[in-house]
Each structure stands twice: as structure tokens, then as C-alpha cells.
Amino acid sequence: MFNSVSRRISLGVLLLVVGTMFALTANAEVKWEKSLKDGMKKAEETGKLVMLDFYTDW
């Protein structure tokens, strides 16, 4: 029984460490475009995805 619990704890710690390493090494920066036209053109040229962000101040 103790062996099973220690394996689960070890696996949890391992996953936590690996996840932290990925989070710390991911340094990609989001570069926002002011115009939809310019953003779509740049996305098509680079083969990247587009995120549209809508909001209001009602």
C-alpha cells in the first residue's frame, strides 16, 4: 500500500516540475495588430493563427 501512495506522490511531483519547466521556458510574446486587415495579412504570410478580441464599455 505504501508503495502505491509513494508512486502517486512521485508522479505528481514529477508532473509539477515538468509543467513548471515548460511554463518558465515559454517566452513567446503576443504582438497585437491594430487593424484586422493587417493582422490577417501577416497571419497568412507566417502561417499563424488569429485571435480576435472584442470588448465594450457599456
PDB file of N, CA and C in Angstrom:
ATOM      1  N   MET A   1       0.818  -1.198   0.000  1.00  0.00           N
ATOM      2  CA  MET A   1       0.000   0.000   0.000  1.00  0.00           C
ATOM      3  C   MET A   1       0.859   1.257   0.000  1.00  0.00           C
ATOM      4  N   PHE A   2       1.880   1.296   0.830  1.00  0.00           N
ATOM      5  CA  PHE A   2       2.755   2.462   0.896  1.00  0.00           C
ATOM      6  C   PHE A   2       3.442   2.693  -0.446  1.00  0.00           C
ATOM      7  N   ASN A   3       3.773   1.618  -1.122  1.00  0.00           N
ATOM      8  CA  ASN A   3       4.442   1.726  -2.407  1.00  0.00           C
ATOM      9  C   ASN A   3       3.559   2.431  -3.428  1.00  0.00           C
ATOM     10  N   SER A   4       2.293   2.143  -3.435  1.00  0.00           N
ATOM     11  CA  SER A   4       1.356   2.761  -4.362  1.00  0.00           C
ATOM     12  C   SER A   4       1.209   4.261  -4.076  1.00  0.00           C
ATOM     13  N   VAL A   5       1.137   4.629  -2.814  1.00  0.00           N
ATOM     14  CA  VAL A   5       0.990   6.037  -2.439  1.00  0.00           C
ATOM     15  C   VAL A   5       2.245   6.819  -2.807  1.00  0.00           C
ATOM     16  N   SER A   6       3.401   6.248  -2.533  1.00  0.00           N
ATOM     17  CA  SER A   6       4.644   6.952  -2.849  1.00  0.00           C
ATOM     18  C   SER A   6       4.821   7.111  -4.355  1.00  0.00           C
ATOM     19  N   ARG A   7       4.363   6.155  -5.132  1.00  0.00           N
ATOM     20  CA  ARG A   7       4.425   6.290  -6.592  1.00  0.00           C
ATOM     21  C   ARG A   7       3.532   7.416  -7.077  1.00  0.00           C
ATOM     22  N   ARG A   8       2.351   7.535  -6.512  1.00  0.00           N
ATOM     23  CA  ARG A   8       1.437   8.615  -6.907  1.00  0.00           C
ATOM     24  C   ARG A   8       1.999   9.978  -6.541  1.00  0.00           C
ATOM     25  N   ILE A   9       2.593  10.073  -5.366  1.00  0.00           N
ATOM     26  CA  ILE A   9       3.194  11.338  -4.946  1.00  0.00           C
ATOM     27  C   ILE A   9       4.378  11.668  -5.853  1.00  0.00           C
ATOM     28  N   SER A  10       5.206  10.690  -6.160  1.00  0.00           N
ATOM     29  CA  SER A  10       6.353  10.916  -7.042  1.00  0.00           C
ATOM     30  C   SER A  10       5.901  11.356  -8.425  1.00  0.00           C
ATOM     31  N   LEU A  11       4.868  10.730  -8.941  1.00  0.00           N
ATOM     32  CA  LEU A  11       4.339  11.109 -10.243  1.00  0.00           C
ATOM     33  C   LEU A  11       3.796  12.535 -10.210  1.00  0.00           C
ATOM     34  N   GLY A  12       3.097  12.893  -9.152  1.00  0.00           N
ATOM     35  CA  GLY A  12       2.562  14.253  -9.021  1.00  0.00           C
ATOM     36  C   GLY A  12       3.664  15.297  -8.965  1.00  0.00           C
ATOM     37  N   VAL A  13       4.719  15.009  -8.217  1.00  0.00           N
ATOM     38  CA  VAL A  13       5.852  15.941  -8.136  1.00  0.00           C
ATOM     39  C   VAL A  13       6.534  16.047  -9.496  1.00  0.00           C
ATOM     40  N   LEU A  14       6.706  14.935 -10.172  1.00  0.00           N
ATOM     41  CA  LEU A  14       7.328  14.947 -11.494  1.00  0.00           C
ATOM     42  C   LEU A  14       6.514  15.786 -12.476  1.00  0.00           C
ATOM     43  N   LEU A  15       5.210  15.609 -12.500  1.00  0.00           N
ATOM     44  CA  LEU A  15       4.350  16.390 -13.389  1.00  0.00           C
ATOM     45  C   LEU A  15       4.399  17.881 -13.044  1.00  0.00           C
ATOM     46  N   LEU A  16       4.456  18.193 -11.768  1.00  0.00           N
ATOM     47  CA  LEU A  16       4.559  19.582 -11.342  1.00  0.00           C
ATOM     48  C   LEU A  16       5.865  20.211 -11.815  1.00  0.00           C
ATOM     49  N   VAL A  17       6.957  19.498 -11.691  1.00  0.00           N
ATOM     50  CA  VAL A  17       8.260  20.006 -12.122  1.00  0.00           C
ATOM     51  C   VAL A  17       8.298  20.193 -13.638  1.00  0.00           C
ATOM     52  N   VAL A  18       7.817  19.216 -14.377  1.00  0.00           N
ATOM     53  CA  VAL A  18       7.818  19.308 -15.839  1.00  0.00           C
ATOM     54  C   VAL A  18       6.924  20.461 -16.301  1.00  0.00           C
ATOM     55  N   GLY A  19       5.757  20.600 -15.709  1.00  0.00           N
ATOM     56  CA  GLY A  19       4.865  21.700 -16.061  1.00  0.00           C
ATOM     57  C   GLY A  19       5.473  23.053 -15.759  1.00  0.00           C
ATOM     58  N   THR A  20       6.172  23.156 -14.641  1.00  0.00           N
ATOM     59  CA  THR A  20       6.834  24.406 -14.287  1.00  0.00           C
ATOM     60  C   THR A  20       7.950  24.725 -15.269  1.00  0.00           C
ATOM     61  N   MET A  21       8.697  23.716 -15.685  1.00  0.00           N
ATOM     62  CA  MET A  21       9.776  23.935 -16.656  1.00  0.00           C
ATOM     63  C   MET A  21       9.220  24.470 -17.971  1.00  0.00           C
ATOM     64  N   PHE A  22       8.115  23.910 -18.441  1.00  0.00           N
ATOM     65  CA  PHE A  22       7.504  24.390 -19.685  1.00  0.00           C
ATOM     66  C   PHE A  22       7.013  25.821 -19.524  1.00  0.00           C
ATOM     67  N   ALA A  23       6.433  26.139 -18.391  1.00  0.00           N
ATOM     68  CA  ALA A  23       5.928  27.494 -18.166  1.00  0.00           C
ATOM     69  C   ALA A  23       7.063  28.511 -18.111  1.00  0.00           C
ATOM     70  N   LEU A  24       8.167  28.150 -17.525  1.00  0.00           N
ATOM     71  CA  LEU A  24       9.294  29.077 -17.412  1.00  0.00           C
ATOM     72  C   LEU A  24      10.040  29.258 -18.728  1.00  0.00           C
ATOM     73  N   THR A  25      10.061  28.252 -19.568  1.00  0.00           N
ATOM     74  CA  THR A  25      10.795  28.364 -20.833  1.00  0.00           C
ATOM     75  C   THR A  25       9.950  28.955 -21.956  1.00  0.00           C
ATOM     76  N   ALA A  26       8.648  29.043 -21.780  1.00  0.00           N
ATOM     77  CA  ALA A  26       7.779  29.610 -22.814  1.00  0.00           C
ATOM     78  C   ALA A  26       7.852  31.133 -22.723  1.00  0.00           C
ATOM     79  N   ASN A  27       8.591  31.740 -23.623  1.00  0.00           N
ATOM     80  CA  ASN A  27       8.747  33.187 -23.576  1.00  0.00           C
ATOM     81  C   ASN A  27       8.219  33.848 -24.846  1.00  0.00           C
ATOM     82  N   ALA A  28       7.272  33.207 -25.502  1.00  0.00           N
ATOM     83  CA  ALA A  28       6.680  33.778 -26.700  1.00  0.00           C
ATOM     84  C   ALA A  28       5.834  34.989 -26.325  1.00  0.00           C
ATOM     85  N   GLU A  29       6.002  36.035 -27.069  1.00  0.00           N
ATOM     86  CA  GLU A  29       5.280  37.278 -26.786  1.00  0.00           C
ATOM     87  C   GLU A  29       4.186  37.477 -27.824  1.00  0.00           C
ATOM     88  N   VAL A  30       3.029  37.901 -27.376  1.00  0.00           N
ATOM     89  CA  VAL A  30       1.927  38.192 -28.291  1.00  0.00           C
ATOM     90  C   VAL A  30       2.125  39.595 -28.833  1.00  0.00           C
ATOM     91  N   LYS A  31       2.147  39.712 -30.149  1.00  0.00           N
ATOM     92  CA  LYS A  31       2.283  41.022 -30.788  1.00  0.00           C
ATOM     93  C   LYS A  31       0.937  41.382 -31.400  1.00  0.00           C
ATOM     94  N   TRP A  32       0.302  42.392 -30.849  1.00  0.00           N
ATOM     95  CA  TRP A  32      -1.026  42.794 -31.262  1.00  0.00           C
ATOM     96  C   TRP A  32      -0.962  43.674 -32.500  1.00  0.00           C
ATOM     97  N   GLU A  33      -1.922  43.499 -33.374  1.00  0.00           N
ATOM     98  CA  GLU A  33      -2.075  44.353 -34.555  1.00  0.00           C
ATOM     99  C   GLU A  33      -3.272  45.260 -34.330  1.00  0.00           C
ATOM    100  N   LYS A  34      -3.204  46.471 -34.820  1.00  0.00           N
ATOM    101  CA  LYS A  34      -4.302  47.437 -34.651  1.00  0.00           C
ATOM    102  C   LYS A  34      -5.406  47.245 -35.686  1.00  0.00           C
ATOM    103  N   SER A  35      -5.062  46.677 -36.819  1.00  0.00           N
ATOM    104  CA  SER A  35      -6.005  46.550 -37.917  1.00  0.00           C
ATOM    105  C   SER A  35      -6.246  45.077 -38.241  1.00  0.00           C
ATOM    106  N   LEU A  36      -7.510  44.710 -38.459  1.00  0.00           N
ATOM    107  CA  LEU A  36      -7.855  43.339 -38.835  1.00  0.00           C
ATOM    108  C   LEU A  36      -7.215  42.984 -40.171  1.00  0.00           C
ATOM    109  N   LYS A  37      -7.244  43.907 -41.098  1.00  0.00           N
ATOM    110  CA  LYS A  37      -6.675  43.668 -42.425  1.00  0.00           C
ATOM    111  C   LYS A  37      -5.179  43.350 -42.338  1.00  0.00           C
ATOM    112  N   ASP A  38      -4.450  44.159 -41.586  1.00  0.00           N
ATOM    113  CA  ASP A  38      -3.010  43.939 -41.435  1.00  0.00           C
ATOM    114  C   ASP A  38      -2.731  42.634 -40.692  1.00  0.00           C
ATOM    115  N   GLY A  39      -3.510  42.360 -39.675  1.00  0.00           N
ATOM    116  CA  GLY A  39      -3.326  41.138 -38.896  1.00  0.00           C
ATOM    117  C   GLY A  39      -3.582  39.891 -39.714  1.00  0.00           C
ATOM    118  N   MET A  40      -4.639  39.900 -40.504  1.00  0.00           N
ATOM    119  CA  MET A  40      -4.960  38.741 -41.343  1.00  0.00           C
ATOM    120  C   MET A  40      -3.884  38.519 -42.404  1.00  0.00           C
ATOM    121  N   LYS A  41      -3.367  39.614 -42.968  1.00  0.00           N
ATOM    122  CA  LYS A  41      -2.316  39.501 -43.974  1.00  0.00           C
ATOM    123  C   LYS A  41      -1.050  38.900 -43.355  1.00  0.00           C
ATOM    124  N   LYS A  42      -0.680  39.391 -42.178  1.00  0.00           N
ATOM    125  CA  LYS A  42       0.513  38.887 -41.504  1.00  0.00           C
ATOM    126  C   LYS A  42       0.339  37.417 -41.109  1.00  0.00           C
ATOM    127  N   ALA A  43      -0.845  37.041 -40.637  1.00  0.00           N
ATOM    128  CA  ALA A  43      -1.114  35.655 -40.256  1.00  0.00           C
ATOM    129  C   ALA A  43      -1.029  34.725 -41.458  1.00  0.00           C
ATOM    130  N   GLU A  44      -1.530  35.176 -42.580  1.00  0.00           N
ATOM    131  CA  GLU A  44      -1.471  34.357 -43.794  1.00  0.00           C
ATOM    132  C   GLU A  44      -0.022  34.173 -44.250  1.00  0.00           C
ATOM    133  N   GLU A  45       0.772  35.239 -44.153  1.00  0.00           N
ATOM    134  CA  GLU A  45       2.176  35.163 -44.572  1.00  0.00           C
ATOM    135  C   GLU A  45       2.994  34.242 -43.667  1.00  0.00           C
ATOM    136  N   THR A  46       2.718  34.275 -42.376  1.00  0.00           N
ATOM    137  CA  THR A  46       3.513  33.498 -41.422  1.00  0.00           C
ATOM    138  C   THR A  46       2.898  32.142 -41.092  1.00  0.00           C
ATOM    139  N   GLY A  47       1.657  31.896 -41.498  1.00  0.00           N
ATOM    140  CA  GLY A  47       1.009  30.620 -41.223  1.00  0.00           C
ATOM    141  C   GLY A  47       0.583  30.465 -39.766  1.00  0.00           C
ATOM    142  N   LYS A  48       0.327  31.599 -39.092  1.00  0.00           N
ATOM    143  CA  LYS A  48      -0.068  31.559 -37.680  1.00  0.00           C
ATOM    144  C   LYS A  48      -1.570  31.789 -37.528  1.00  0.00           C
ATOM    145  N   LEU A  49      -2.072  31.467 -36.337  1.00  0.00           N
ATOM    146  CA  LEU A  49      -3.492  31.645 -36.041  1.00  0.00           C
ATOM    147  C   LEU A  49      -3.791  33.093 -35.690  1.00  0.00           C
ATOM    148  N   VAL A  50      -5.057  33.461 -35.753  1.00  0.00           N
ATOM    149  CA  VAL A  50      -5.507  34.814 -35.433  1.00  0.00           C
ATOM    150  C   VAL A  50      -6.460  34.739 -34.250  1.00  0.00           C
ATOM    151  N   MET A  51      -6.282  35.649 -33.286  1.00  0.00           N
ATOM    152  CA  MET A  51      -7.206  35.751 -32.162  1.00  0.00           C
ATOM    153  C   MET A  51      -7.879  37.116 -32.233  1.00  0.00           C
ATOM    154  N   LEU A  52      -9.188  37.122 -32.228  1.00  0.00           N
ATOM    155  CA  LEU A  52      -9.943  38.378 -32.238  1.00  0.00           C
ATOM    156  C   LEU A  52     -10.441  38.654 -30.825  1.00  0.00           C
ATOM    157  N   ASP A  53     -10.226  39.861 -30.361  1.00  0.00           N
ATOM    158  CA  ASP A  53     -10.614  40.248 -29.014  1.00  0.00           C
ATOM    159  C   ASP A  53     -11.618  41.387 -29.102  1.00  0.00           C
ATOM    160  N   PHE A  54     -12.838  41.140 -28.635  1.00  0.00           N
ATOM    161  CA  PHE A  54     -13.893  42.155 -28.671  1.00  0.00           C
ATOM    162  C   PHE A  54     -14.259  42.571 -27.248  1.00  0.00           C
ATOM    163  N   TYR A  55     -14.542  43.836 -27.059  1.00  0.00           N
ATOM    164  CA  TYR A  55     -14.997  44.299 -25.743  1.00  0.00           C
ATOM    165  C   TYR A  55     -15.816  45.579 -25.913  1.00  0.00           C
ATOM    166  N   THR A  56     -16.469  45.993 -24.850  1.00  0.00           N
ATOM    167  CA  THR A  56     -17.250  47.218 -24.853  1.00  0.00           C
ATOM    168  C   THR A  56     -17.207  47.858 -23.480  1.00  0.00           C
ATOM    169  N   ASP A  57     -17.508  49.131 -23.403  1.00  0.00           N
ATOM    170  CA  ASP A  57     -17.523  49.876 -22.140  1.00  0.00           C
ATOM    171  C   ASP A  57     -18.930  50.333 -21.767  1.00  0.00           C
ATOM    172  N   TRP A  58     -19.934  49.524 -22.017  1.00  0.00           N
ATOM    173  CA  TRP A  58     -21.312  49.919 -21.740  1.00  0.00           C
ATOM    174  C   TRP A  58     -21.509  50.272 -20.326  1.00  0.00           C
TER     175      TRP A  58
END
